[in-house]
Structure formats: structure tokens, C-alpha cells
Amino acid sequence: ARRAVTVLLSAVRTGPFWLLAGTFAICGASTNGLIQTHFIP
């Protein structure tokens, strides 16, 4: 658990992490959150 948090604290200091996290958040919103959950209803 400590290593996972340590790696995160190191990664958040870099710009690419935020860009990759932001794009992937939108990826999840438009797939698992939207189509997979709400397409059928």
C-alpha cells in the first residue's frame, strides 16, 4: 500500500500523469459509465 501511494505521489508531480488520467477518466465516462450502464435502459 505504501509503495502504491509513493508511486502516485511521484507521478502527480509530472504533467503527463494528469493528461493521461484526464483522458482516461473521459474514456471511462463514455464507456463503462455511459454505454455499459445506461444503453439498455
PDB file of all heavy atoms in Angstrom:
ATOM      1  N   ALA A   1       0.829  -1.205   0.000  1.00  0.00           N
ATOM      2  CA  ALA A   1       0.000   0.000   0.000  1.00  0.00           C
ATOM      3  C   ALA A   1       0.864   1.256   0.000  1.00  0.00           C
ATOM      4  O   ALA A   1       0.587   2.225  -0.717  1.00  0.00           O
ATOM      5  CB  ALA A   1      -0.930  -0.002   1.214  1.00  0.00           C
ATOM      6  N   ARG A   2       1.941   1.218   0.798  1.00  0.00           N
ATOM      7  CA  ARG A   2       2.841   2.381   0.854  1.00  0.00           C
ATOM      8  C   ARG A   2       3.491   2.633  -0.496  1.00  0.00           C
ATOM      9  O   ARG A   2       3.630   3.779  -0.932  1.00  0.00           O
ATOM     10  CB  ARG A   2       3.901   2.165   1.927  1.00  0.00           C
ATOM     11  CG  ARG A   2       4.839   3.353   2.100  1.00  0.00           C
ATOM     12  CD  ARG A   2       5.768   3.190   3.300  1.00  0.00           C
ATOM     13  NE  ARG A   2       6.660   2.047   3.178  1.00  0.00           N
ATOM     14  CZ  ARG A   2       6.530   0.916   3.854  1.00  0.00           C
ATOM     15  NH1 ARG A   2       5.533   0.771   4.728  1.00  0.00           N
ATOM     16  NH2 ARG A   2       7.394  -0.068   3.712  1.00  0.00           N
ATOM     17  N   ARG A   3       3.884   1.554  -1.177  1.00  0.00           N
ATOM     18  CA  ARG A   3       4.512   1.724  -2.484  1.00  0.00           C
ATOM     19  C   ARG A   3       3.529   2.322  -3.489  1.00  0.00           C
ATOM     20  O   ARG A   3       3.880   3.190  -4.290  1.00  0.00           O
ATOM     21  CB  ARG A   3       5.015   0.379  -3.005  1.00  0.00           C
ATOM     22  CG  ARG A   3       5.776   0.548  -4.325  1.00  0.00           C
ATOM     23  CD  ARG A   3       6.206  -0.761  -4.914  1.00  0.00           C
ATOM     24  NE  ARG A   3       6.824  -0.522  -6.213  1.00  0.00           N
ATOM     25  CZ  ARG A   3       6.825  -1.397  -7.199  1.00  0.00           C
ATOM     26  NH1 ARG A   3       6.253  -2.573  -7.030  1.00  0.00           N
ATOM     27  NH2 ARG A   3       7.391  -1.109  -8.341  1.00  0.00           N
ATOM     28  N   ALA A   4       2.254   1.855  -3.460  1.00  0.00           N
ATOM     29  CA  ALA A   4       1.261   2.393  -4.387  1.00  0.00           C
ATOM     30  C   ALA A   4       1.078   3.891  -4.178  1.00  0.00           C
ATOM     31  O   ALA A   4       0.988   4.661  -5.144  1.00  0.00           O
ATOM     32  CB  ALA A   4      -0.074   1.671  -4.208  1.00  0.00           C
ATOM     33  N   VAL A   5       1.040   4.312  -2.905  1.00  0.00           N
ATOM     34  CA  VAL A   5       0.869   5.733  -2.613  1.00  0.00           C
ATOM     35  C   VAL A   5       2.127   6.520  -2.986  1.00  0.00           C
ATOM     36  O   VAL A   5       2.047   7.628  -3.529  1.00  0.00           O
ATOM     37  CB  VAL A   5       0.520   5.929  -1.127  1.00  0.00           C
ATOM     38  CG1 VAL A   5       0.490   7.418  -0.777  1.00  0.00           C
ATOM     39  CG2 VAL A   5      -0.824   5.287  -0.797  1.00  0.00           C
ATOM     40  N   THR A   6       3.304   5.933  -2.714  1.00  0.00           N
ATOM     41  CA  THR A   6       4.563   6.603  -3.051  1.00  0.00           C
ATOM     42  C   THR A   6       4.686   6.833  -4.552  1.00  0.00           C
ATOM     43  O   THR A   6       5.084   7.914  -5.010  1.00  0.00           O
ATOM     44  CB  THR A   6       5.756   5.775  -2.551  1.00  0.00           C
ATOM     45  OG1 THR A   6       5.665   5.605  -1.133  1.00  0.00           O
ATOM     46  CG2 THR A   6       7.073   6.459  -2.897  1.00  0.00           C
ATOM     47  N   VAL A   7       4.329   5.805  -5.328  1.00  0.00           N
ATOM     48  CA  VAL A   7       4.378   5.939  -6.785  1.00  0.00           C
ATOM     49  C   VAL A   7       3.410   7.021  -7.250  1.00  0.00           C
ATOM     50  O   VAL A   7       3.724   7.823  -8.133  1.00  0.00           O
ATOM     51  CB  VAL A   7       4.061   4.589  -7.460  1.00  0.00           C
ATOM     52  CG1 VAL A   7       3.863   4.766  -8.964  1.00  0.00           C
ATOM     53  CG2 VAL A   7       5.191   3.595  -7.198  1.00  0.00           C
ATOM     54  N   LEU A   8       2.221   7.074  -6.637  1.00  0.00           N
ATOM     55  CA  LEU A   8       1.243   8.103  -7.003  1.00  0.00           C
ATOM     56  C   LEU A   8       1.790   9.490  -6.712  1.00  0.00           C
ATOM     57  O   LEU A   8       1.700  10.405  -7.549  1.00  0.00           O
ATOM     58  CB  LEU A   8      -0.062   7.879  -6.245  1.00  0.00           C
ATOM     59  CG  LEU A   8      -1.102   9.004  -6.393  1.00  0.00           C
ATOM     60  CD1 LEU A   8      -1.581   9.115  -7.837  1.00  0.00           C
ATOM     61  CD2 LEU A   8      -2.270   8.784  -5.448  1.00  0.00           C
ATOM     62  N   LEU A   9       2.365   9.676  -5.509  1.00  0.00           N
ATOM     63  CA  LEU A   9       2.879  10.990  -5.132  1.00  0.00           C
ATOM     64  C   LEU A   9       3.988  11.445  -6.068  1.00  0.00           C
ATOM     65  O   LEU A   9       4.144  12.640  -6.336  1.00  0.00           O
ATOM     66  CB  LEU A   9       3.386  10.952  -3.686  1.00  0.00           C
ATOM     67  CG  LEU A   9       2.308  10.758  -2.611  1.00  0.00           C
ATOM     68  CD1 LEU A   9       2.937  10.657  -1.235  1.00  0.00           C
ATOM     69  CD2 LEU A   9       1.286  11.886  -2.655  1.00  0.00           C
ATOM     70  N   SER A  10       4.762  10.486  -6.580  1.00  0.00           N
ATOM     71  CA  SER A  10       5.795  10.835  -7.550  1.00  0.00           C
ATOM     72  C   SER A  10       5.187  11.175  -8.905  1.00  0.00           C
ATOM     73  O   SER A  10       5.596  12.138  -9.558  1.00  0.00           O
ATOM     74  CB  SER A  10       6.777   9.667  -7.691  1.00  0.00           C
ATOM     75  OG  SER A  10       7.729   9.917  -8.687  1.00  0.00           O
ATOM     76  N   ALA A  11       4.173  10.391  -9.313  1.00  0.00           N
ATOM     77  CA  ALA A  11       3.586  10.586 -10.641  1.00  0.00           C
ATOM     78  C   ALA A  11       2.819  11.895 -10.747  1.00  0.00           C
ATOM     79  O   ALA A  11       2.831  12.542 -11.805  1.00  0.00           O
ATOM     80  CB  ALA A  11       2.670   9.413 -10.983  1.00  0.00           C
ATOM     81  N   VAL A  12       2.144  12.302  -9.660  1.00  0.00           N
ATOM     82  CA  VAL A  12       1.312  13.508  -9.746  1.00  0.00           C
ATOM     83  C   VAL A  12       2.142  14.775  -9.915  1.00  0.00           C
ATOM     84  O   VAL A  12       1.601  15.835 -10.217  1.00  0.00           O
ATOM     85  CB  VAL A  12       0.400  13.655  -8.500  1.00  0.00           C
ATOM     86  CG1 VAL A  12      -0.598  12.518  -8.419  1.00  0.00           C
ATOM     87  CG2 VAL A  12       1.223  13.772  -7.215  1.00  0.00           C
ATOM     88  N   ARG A  13       3.447  14.666  -9.755  1.00  0.00           N
ATOM     89  CA  ARG A  13       4.316  15.823  -9.978  1.00  0.00           C
ATOM     90  C   ARG A  13       4.656  16.005 -11.454  1.00  0.00           C
ATOM     91  O   ARG A  13       5.343  16.966 -11.809  1.00  0.00           O
ATOM     92  CB  ARG A  13       5.608  15.679  -9.161  1.00  0.00           C
ATOM     93  CG  ARG A  13       5.395  15.645  -7.649  1.00  0.00           C
ATOM     94  CD  ARG A  13       6.741  15.677  -6.919  1.00  0.00           C
ATOM     95  NE  ARG A  13       6.561  15.638  -5.480  1.00  0.00           N
ATOM     96  CZ  ARG A  13       6.651  14.529  -4.747  1.00  0.00           C
ATOM     97  NH1 ARG A  13       6.936  13.378  -5.346  1.00  0.00           N
ATOM     98  NH2 ARG A  13       6.479  14.566  -3.449  1.00  0.00           N
ATOM     99  N   THR A  14       4.205  15.096 -12.285  1.00  0.00           N
ATOM    100  CA  THR A  14       4.518  15.158 -13.713  1.00  0.00           C
ATOM    101  C   THR A  14       3.269  15.511 -14.512  1.00  0.00           C
ATOM    102  O   THR A  14       2.163  15.041 -14.195  1.00  0.00           O
ATOM    103  CB  THR A  14       5.079  13.815 -14.203  1.00  0.00           C
ATOM    104  OG1 THR A  14       4.071  12.809 -14.108  1.00  0.00           O
ATOM    105  CG2 THR A  14       6.279  13.400 -13.365  1.00  0.00           C
ATOM    106  N   GLY A  15       3.448  16.310 -15.553  1.00  0.00           N
ATOM    107  CA  GLY A  15       2.329  16.696 -16.389  1.00  0.00           C
ATOM    108  C   GLY A  15       1.652  15.555 -17.124  1.00  0.00           C
ATOM    109  O   GLY A  15       0.412  15.494 -17.188  1.00  0.00           O
ATOM    110  N   PRO A  16       2.419  14.603 -17.686  1.00  0.00           N
ATOM    111  CA  PRO A  16       1.769  13.525 -18.427  1.00  0.00           C
ATOM    112  C   PRO A  16       0.771  12.722 -17.608  1.00  0.00           C
ATOM    113  O   PRO A  16      -0.225  12.240 -18.142  1.00  0.00           O
ATOM    114  CB  PRO A  16       2.960  12.651 -18.860  1.00  0.00           C
ATOM    115  CG  PRO A  16       4.099  13.598 -18.962  1.00  0.00           C
ATOM    116  CD  PRO A  16       3.893  14.581 -17.857  1.00  0.00           C
ATOM    117  N   PHE A  17       1.026  12.575 -16.297  1.00  0.00           N
ATOM    118  CA  PHE A  17       0.086  11.807 -15.470  1.00  0.00           C
ATOM    119  C   PHE A  17      -1.300  12.439 -15.499  1.00  0.00           C
ATOM    120  O   PHE A  17      -2.316  11.738 -15.653  1.00  0.00           O
ATOM    121  CB  PHE A  17       0.591  11.722 -14.025  1.00  0.00           C
ATOM    122  CG  PHE A  17      -0.399  11.054 -13.105  1.00  0.00           C
ATOM    123  CD1 PHE A  17      -0.471   9.670 -13.033  1.00  0.00           C
ATOM    124  CD2 PHE A  17      -1.271  11.809 -12.328  1.00  0.00           C
ATOM    125  CE1 PHE A  17      -1.392   9.057 -12.200  1.00  0.00           C
ATOM    126  CE2 PHE A  17      -2.193  11.206 -11.487  1.00  0.00           C
ATOM    127  CZ  PHE A  17      -2.252   9.813 -11.417  1.00  0.00           C
ATOM    128  N   TRP A  18      -1.361  13.761 -15.350  1.00  0.00           N
ATOM    129  CA  TRP A  18      -2.660  14.430 -15.310  1.00  0.00           C
ATOM    130  C   TRP A  18      -3.362  14.371 -16.665  1.00  0.00           C
ATOM    131  O   TRP A  18      -4.588  14.229 -16.731  1.00  0.00           O
ATOM    132  CB  TRP A  18      -2.482  15.877 -14.856  1.00  0.00           C
ATOM    133  CG  TRP A  18      -2.062  15.954 -13.433  1.00  0.00           C
ATOM    134  CD1 TRP A  18      -0.812  16.256 -12.959  1.00  0.00           C
ATOM    135  CD2 TRP A  18      -2.871  15.685 -12.284  1.00  0.00           C
ATOM    136  NE1 TRP A  18      -0.793  16.198 -11.585  1.00  0.00           N
ATOM    137  CE2 TRP A  18      -2.042  15.856 -11.143  1.00  0.00           C
ATOM    138  CE3 TRP A  18      -4.204  15.328 -12.103  1.00  0.00           C
ATOM    139  CZ2 TRP A  18      -2.517  15.666  -9.847  1.00  0.00           C
ATOM    140  CZ3 TRP A  18      -4.684  15.144 -10.816  1.00  0.00           C
ATOM    141  CH2 TRP A  18      -3.842  15.316  -9.709  1.00  0.00           C
ATOM    142  N   LEU A  19      -2.591  14.457 -17.726  1.00  0.00           N
ATOM    143  CA  LEU A  19      -3.196  14.353 -19.055  1.00  0.00           C
ATOM    144  C   LEU A  19      -3.714  12.944 -19.325  1.00  0.00           C
ATOM    145  O   LEU A  19      -4.825  12.759 -19.835  1.00  0.00           O
ATOM    146  CB  LEU A  19      -2.180  14.760 -20.122  1.00  0.00           C
ATOM    147  CG  LEU A  19      -1.778  16.240 -20.095  1.00  0.00           C
ATOM    148  CD1 LEU A  19      -0.582  16.481 -21.011  1.00  0.00           C
ATOM    149  CD2 LEU A  19      -2.949  17.121 -20.501  1.00  0.00           C
ATOM    150  N   LEU A  20      -2.928  11.946 -18.951  1.00  0.00           N
ATOM    151  CA  LEU A  20      -3.364  10.569 -19.150  1.00  0.00           C
ATOM    152  C   LEU A  20      -4.549  10.237 -18.244  1.00  0.00           C
ATOM    153  O   LEU A  20      -5.496   9.569 -18.665  1.00  0.00           O
ATOM    154  CB  LEU A  20      -2.198   9.606 -18.875  1.00  0.00           C
ATOM    155  CG  LEU A  20      -1.060   9.647 -19.890  1.00  0.00           C
ATOM    156  CD1 LEU A  20       0.146   8.872 -19.370  1.00  0.00           C
ATOM    157  CD2 LEU A  20      -1.517   9.093 -21.229  1.00  0.00           C
ATOM    158  N   ALA A  21      -4.502  10.707 -16.998  1.00  0.00           N
ATOM    159  CA  ALA A  21      -5.615  10.459 -16.085  1.00  0.00           C
ATOM    160  C   ALA A  21      -6.882  11.162 -16.557  1.00  0.00           C
ATOM    161  O   ALA A  21      -7.984  10.608 -16.484  1.00  0.00           O
ATOM    162  CB  ALA A  21      -5.245  10.914 -14.669  1.00  0.00           C
ATOM    163  N   GLY A  22      -6.743  12.379 -17.051  1.00  0.00           N
ATOM    164  CA  GLY A  22      -7.916  13.122 -17.524  1.00  0.00           C
ATOM    165  C   GLY A  22      -8.550  12.492 -18.741  1.00  0.00           C
ATOM    166  O   GLY A  22      -9.780  12.330 -18.809  1.00  0.00           O
ATOM    167  N   THR A  23      -7.721  12.085 -19.707  1.00  0.00           N
ATOM    168  CA  THR A  23      -8.297  11.452 -20.903  1.00  0.00           C
ATOM    169  C   THR A  23      -8.927  10.106 -20.560  1.00  0.00           C
ATOM    170  O   THR A  23      -9.988   9.763 -21.080  1.00  0.00           O
ATOM    171  CB  THR A  23      -7.218  11.248 -21.982  1.00  0.00           C
ATOM    172  OG1 THR A  23      -6.127  10.497 -21.437  1.00  0.00           O
ATOM    173  CG2 THR A  23      -6.708  12.566 -22.503  1.00  0.00           C
ATOM    174  N   PHE A  24      -8.301   9.375 -19.651  1.00  0.00           N
ATOM    175  CA  PHE A  24      -8.837   8.057 -19.308  1.00  0.00           C
ATOM    176  C   PHE A  24     -10.104   8.176 -18.458  1.00  0.00           C
ATOM    177  O   PHE A  24     -10.964   7.288 -18.497  1.00  0.00           O
ATOM    178  CB  PHE A  24      -7.777   7.238 -18.590  1.00  0.00           C
ATOM    179  CG  PHE A  24      -7.681   5.821 -19.100  1.00  0.00           C
ATOM    180  CD1 PHE A  24      -7.745   5.541 -20.460  1.00  0.00           C
ATOM    181  CD2 PHE A  24      -7.512   4.765 -18.221  1.00  0.00           C
ATOM    182  CE1 PHE A  24      -7.650   4.239 -20.927  1.00  0.00           C
ATOM    183  CE2 PHE A  24      -7.419   3.462 -18.676  1.00  0.00           C
ATOM    184  CZ  PHE A  24      -7.494   3.198 -20.031  1.00  0.00           C
ATOM    185  N   ALA A  25     -10.231   9.256 -17.688  1.00  0.00           N
ATOM    186  CA  ALA A  25     -11.482   9.486 -16.968  1.00  0.00           C
ATOM    187  C   ALA A  25     -12.635   9.679 -17.948  1.00  0.00           C
ATOM    188  O   ALA A  25     -13.751   9.160 -17.748  1.00  0.00           O
ATOM    189  CB  ALA A  25     -11.348  10.706 -16.050  1.00  0.00           C
ATOM    190  N   ILE A  26     -12.369  10.399 -19.019  1.00  0.00           N
ATOM    191  CA  ILE A  26     -13.396  10.610 -20.045  1.00  0.00           C
ATOM    192  C   ILE A  26     -13.670   9.315 -20.795  1.00  0.00           C
ATOM    193  O   ILE A  26     -14.820   9.026 -21.162  1.00  0.00           O
ATOM    194  CB  ILE A  26     -12.957  11.737 -20.994  1.00  0.00           C
ATOM    195  CG1 ILE A  26     -12.905  13.066 -20.224  1.00  0.00           C
ATOM    196  CG2 ILE A  26     -13.902  11.846 -22.193  1.00  0.00           C
ATOM    197  CD1 ILE A  26     -12.290  14.199 -20.996  1.00  0.00           C
ATOM    198  N   CYS A  27     -12.635   8.508 -20.978  1.00  0.00           N
ATOM    199  CA  CYS A  27     -12.834   7.195 -21.592  1.00  0.00           C
ATOM    200  C   CYS A  27     -13.803   6.365 -20.755  1.00  0.00           C
ATOM    201  O   CYS A  27     -14.745   5.757 -21.279  1.00  0.00           O
ATOM    202  CB  CYS A  27     -11.494   6.471 -21.721  1.00  0.00           C
ATOM    203  SG  CYS A  27     -11.614   4.823 -22.436  1.00  0.00           S
ATOM    204  N   GLY A  28     -13.584   6.316 -19.450  1.00  0.00           N
ATOM    205  CA  GLY A  28     -14.475   5.553 -18.577  1.00  0.00           C
ATOM    206  C   GLY A  28     -15.878   6.104 -18.548  1.00  0.00           C
ATOM    207  O   GLY A  28     -16.862   5.356 -18.532  1.00  0.00           O
ATOM    208  N   ALA A  29     -15.978   7.450 -18.553  1.00  0.00           N
ATOM    209  CA  ALA A  29     -17.301   8.074 -18.546  1.00  0.00           C
ATOM    210  C   ALA A  29     -18.110   7.692 -19.777  1.00  0.00           C
ATOM    211  O   ALA A  29     -19.328   7.464 -19.695  1.00  0.00           O
ATOM    212  CB  ALA A  29     -17.147   9.595 -18.472  1.00  0.00           C
ATOM    213  N   SER A  30     -17.452   7.584 -20.930  1.00  0.00           N
ATOM    214  CA  SER A  30     -18.164   7.345 -22.182  1.00  0.00           C
ATOM    215  C   SER A  30     -18.325   5.868 -22.521  1.00  0.00           C
ATOM    216  O   SER A  30     -18.968   5.536 -23.515  1.00  0.00           O
ATOM    217  CB  SER A  30     -17.438   8.056 -23.335  1.00  0.00           C
ATOM    218  OG  SER A  30     -16.087   7.646 -23.412  1.00  0.00           O
ATOM    219  N   THR A  31     -17.747   4.974 -21.700  1.00  0.00           N
ATOM    220  CA  THR A  31     -17.896   3.532 -21.952  1.00  0.00           C
ATOM    221  C   THR A  31     -18.603   2.860 -20.786  1.00  0.00           C
ATOM    222  O   THR A  31     -19.815   2.667 -20.816  1.00  0.00           O
ATOM    223  CB  THR A  31     -16.517   2.888 -22.212  1.00  0.00           C
ATOM    224  OG1 THR A  31     -15.617   3.224 -21.141  1.00  0.00           O
ATOM    225  CG2 THR A  31     -15.930   3.375 -23.518  1.00  0.00           C
ATOM    226  N   ASN A  32     -17.859   2.520 -19.732  1.00  0.00           N
ATOM    227  CA  ASN A  32     -18.450   1.815 -18.601  1.00  0.00           C
ATOM    228  C   ASN A  32     -19.554   2.609 -17.923  1.00  0.00           C
ATOM    229  O   ASN A  32     -20.587   2.053 -17.541  1.00  0.00           O
ATOM    230  CB  ASN A  32     -17.366   1.476 -17.564  1.00  0.00           C
ATOM    231  CG  ASN A  32     -16.267   0.632 -18.142  1.00  0.00           C
ATOM    232  OD1 ASN A  32     -15.334   1.174 -18.715  1.00  0.00           O
ATOM    233  ND2 ASN A  32     -16.352  -0.673 -18.020  1.00  0.00           N
ATOM    234  N   GLY A  33     -19.322   3.903 -17.739  1.00  0.00           N
ATOM    235  CA  GLY A  33     -20.319   4.708 -17.042  1.00  0.00           C
ATOM    236  C   GLY A  33     -21.554   4.988 -17.859  1.00  0.00           C
ATOM    237  O   GLY A  33     -22.668   5.012 -17.333  1.00  0.00           O
ATOM    238  N   LEU A  34     -21.378   5.191 -19.169  1.00  0.00           N
ATOM    239  CA  LEU A  34     -22.494   5.606 -20.019  1.00  0.00           C
ATOM    240  C   LEU A  34     -23.116   4.435 -20.773  1.00  0.00           C
ATOM    241  O   LEU A  34     -24.247   4.017 -20.475  1.00  0.00           O
ATOM    242  CB  LEU A  34     -22.004   6.667 -21.008  1.00  0.00           C
ATOM    243  CG  LEU A  34     -23.055   7.249 -21.951  1.00  0.00           C
ATOM    244  CD1 LEU A  34     -24.119   7.985 -21.163  1.00  0.00           C
ATOM    245  CD2 LEU A  34     -22.396   8.170 -22.966  1.00  0.00           C
ATOM    246  N   ILE A  35     -22.398   3.890 -21.735  1.00  0.00           N
ATOM    247  CA  ILE A  35     -22.981   2.877 -22.609  1.00  0.00           C
ATOM    248  C   ILE A  35     -23.247   1.575 -21.858  1.00  0.00           C
ATOM    249  O   ILE A  35     -24.347   1.009 -21.936  1.00  0.00           O
ATOM    250  CB  ILE A  35     -22.067   2.622 -23.824  1.00  0.00           C
ATOM    251  CG1 ILE A  35     -21.931   3.897 -24.658  1.00  0.00           C
ATOM    252  CG2 ILE A  35     -22.625   1.488 -24.675  1.00  0.00           C
ATOM    253  CD1 ILE A  35     -23.210   4.353 -25.306  1.00  0.00           C
ATOM    254  N   GLN A  36     -22.250   1.094 -21.119  1.00  0.00           N
ATOM    255  CA  GLN A  36     -22.437  -0.195 -20.453  1.00  0.00           C
ATOM    256  C   GLN A  36     -23.520  -0.148 -19.383  1.00  0.00           C
ATOM    257  O   GLN A  36     -24.260  -1.114 -19.199  1.00  0.00           O
ATOM    258  CB  GLN A  36     -21.121  -0.656 -19.829  1.00  0.00           C
ATOM    259  CG  GLN A  36     -21.164  -2.092 -19.328  1.00  0.00           C
ATOM    260  CD  GLN A  36     -19.787  -2.621 -19.033  1.00  0.00           C
ATOM    261  OE1 GLN A  36     -19.017  -2.006 -18.298  1.00  0.00           O
ATOM    262  NE2 GLN A  36     -19.453  -3.769 -19.591  1.00  0.00           N
ATOM    263  N   THR A  37     -23.642   0.973 -18.692  1.00  0.00           N
ATOM    264  CA  THR A  37     -24.634   1.083 -17.621  1.00  0.00           C
ATOM    265  C   THR A  37     -25.995   1.520 -18.129  1.00  0.00           C
ATOM    266  O   THR A  37     -27.029   0.990 -17.692  1.00  0.00           O
ATOM    267  CB  THR A  37     -24.137   2.073 -16.548  1.00  0.00           C
ATOM    268  OG1 THR A  37     -22.867   1.642 -16.058  1.00  0.00           O
ATOM    269  CG2 THR A  37     -25.123   2.152 -15.387  1.00  0.00           C
ATOM    270  N   HIS A  38     -26.050   2.463 -19.066  1.00  0.00           N
ATOM    271  CA  HIS A  38     -27.324   3.101 -19.396  1.00  0.00           C
ATOM    272  C   HIS A  38     -27.845   2.824 -20.802  1.00  0.00           C
ATOM    273  O   HIS A  38     -28.974   3.243 -21.122  1.00  0.00           O
ATOM    274  CB  HIS A  38     -27.198   4.620 -19.199  1.00  0.00           C
ATOM    275  CG  HIS A  38     -27.007   5.024 -17.769  1.00  0.00           C
ATOM    276  ND1 HIS A  38     -27.992   4.851 -16.806  1.00  0.00           N
ATOM    277  CD2 HIS A  38     -25.935   5.567 -17.121  1.00  0.00           C
ATOM    278  CE1 HIS A  38     -27.535   5.289 -15.641  1.00  0.00           C
ATOM    279  NE2 HIS A  38     -26.298   5.719 -15.804  1.00  0.00           N
ATOM    280  N   PHE A  39     -27.078   2.145 -21.652  1.00  0.00           N
ATOM    281  CA  PHE A  39     -27.569   1.918 -23.008  1.00  0.00           C
ATOM    282  C   PHE A  39     -28.834   1.060 -23.018  1.00  0.00           C
ATOM    283  O   PHE A  39     -29.805   1.375 -23.722  1.00  0.00           O
ATOM    284  CB  PHE A  39     -26.492   1.256 -23.873  1.00  0.00           C
ATOM    285  CG  PHE A  39     -26.967   0.938 -25.265  1.00  0.00           C
ATOM    286  CD1 PHE A  39     -27.019   1.927 -26.241  1.00  0.00           C
ATOM    287  CD2 PHE A  39     -27.389  -0.344 -25.608  1.00  0.00           C
ATOM    288  CE1 PHE A  39     -27.476   1.645 -27.521  1.00  0.00           C
ATOM    289  CE2 PHE A  39     -27.842  -0.637 -26.883  1.00  0.00           C
ATOM    290  CZ  PHE A  39     -27.886   0.356 -27.849  1.00  0.00           C
ATOM    291  N   ILE A  40     -28.844  -0.018 -22.253  1.00  0.00           N
ATOM    292  CA  ILE A  40     -30.013  -0.916 -22.259  1.00  0.00           C
ATOM    293  C   ILE A  40     -31.263  -0.215 -21.743  1.00  0.00           C
ATOM    294  O   ILE A  40     -32.311  -0.248 -22.404  1.00  0.00           O
ATOM    295  CB  ILE A  40     -29.704  -2.204 -21.476  1.00  0.00           C
ATOM    296  CG1 ILE A  40     -28.650  -3.020 -22.232  1.00  0.00           C
ATOM    297  CG2 ILE A  40     -30.971  -3.037 -21.272  1.00  0.00           C
ATOM    298  CD1 ILE A  40     -28.184  -4.268 -21.504  1.00  0.00           C
ATOM    299  N   PRO A  41     -31.236   0.439 -20.569  1.00  0.00           N
ATOM    300  CA  PRO A  41     -32.445   1.151 -20.145  1.00  0.00           C
ATOM    301  C   PRO A  41     -32.832   2.295 -21.086  1.00  0.00           C
ATOM    302  O   PRO A  41     -34.022   2.567 -21.273  1.00  0.00           O
ATOM    303  CB  PRO A  41     -32.102   1.670 -18.740  1.00  0.00           C
ATOM    304  CG  PRO A  41     -30.631   1.575 -18.621  1.00  0.00           C
ATOM    305  CD  PRO A  41     -30.206   0.451 -19.509  1.00  0.00           C
TER     306      PRO A  41
END
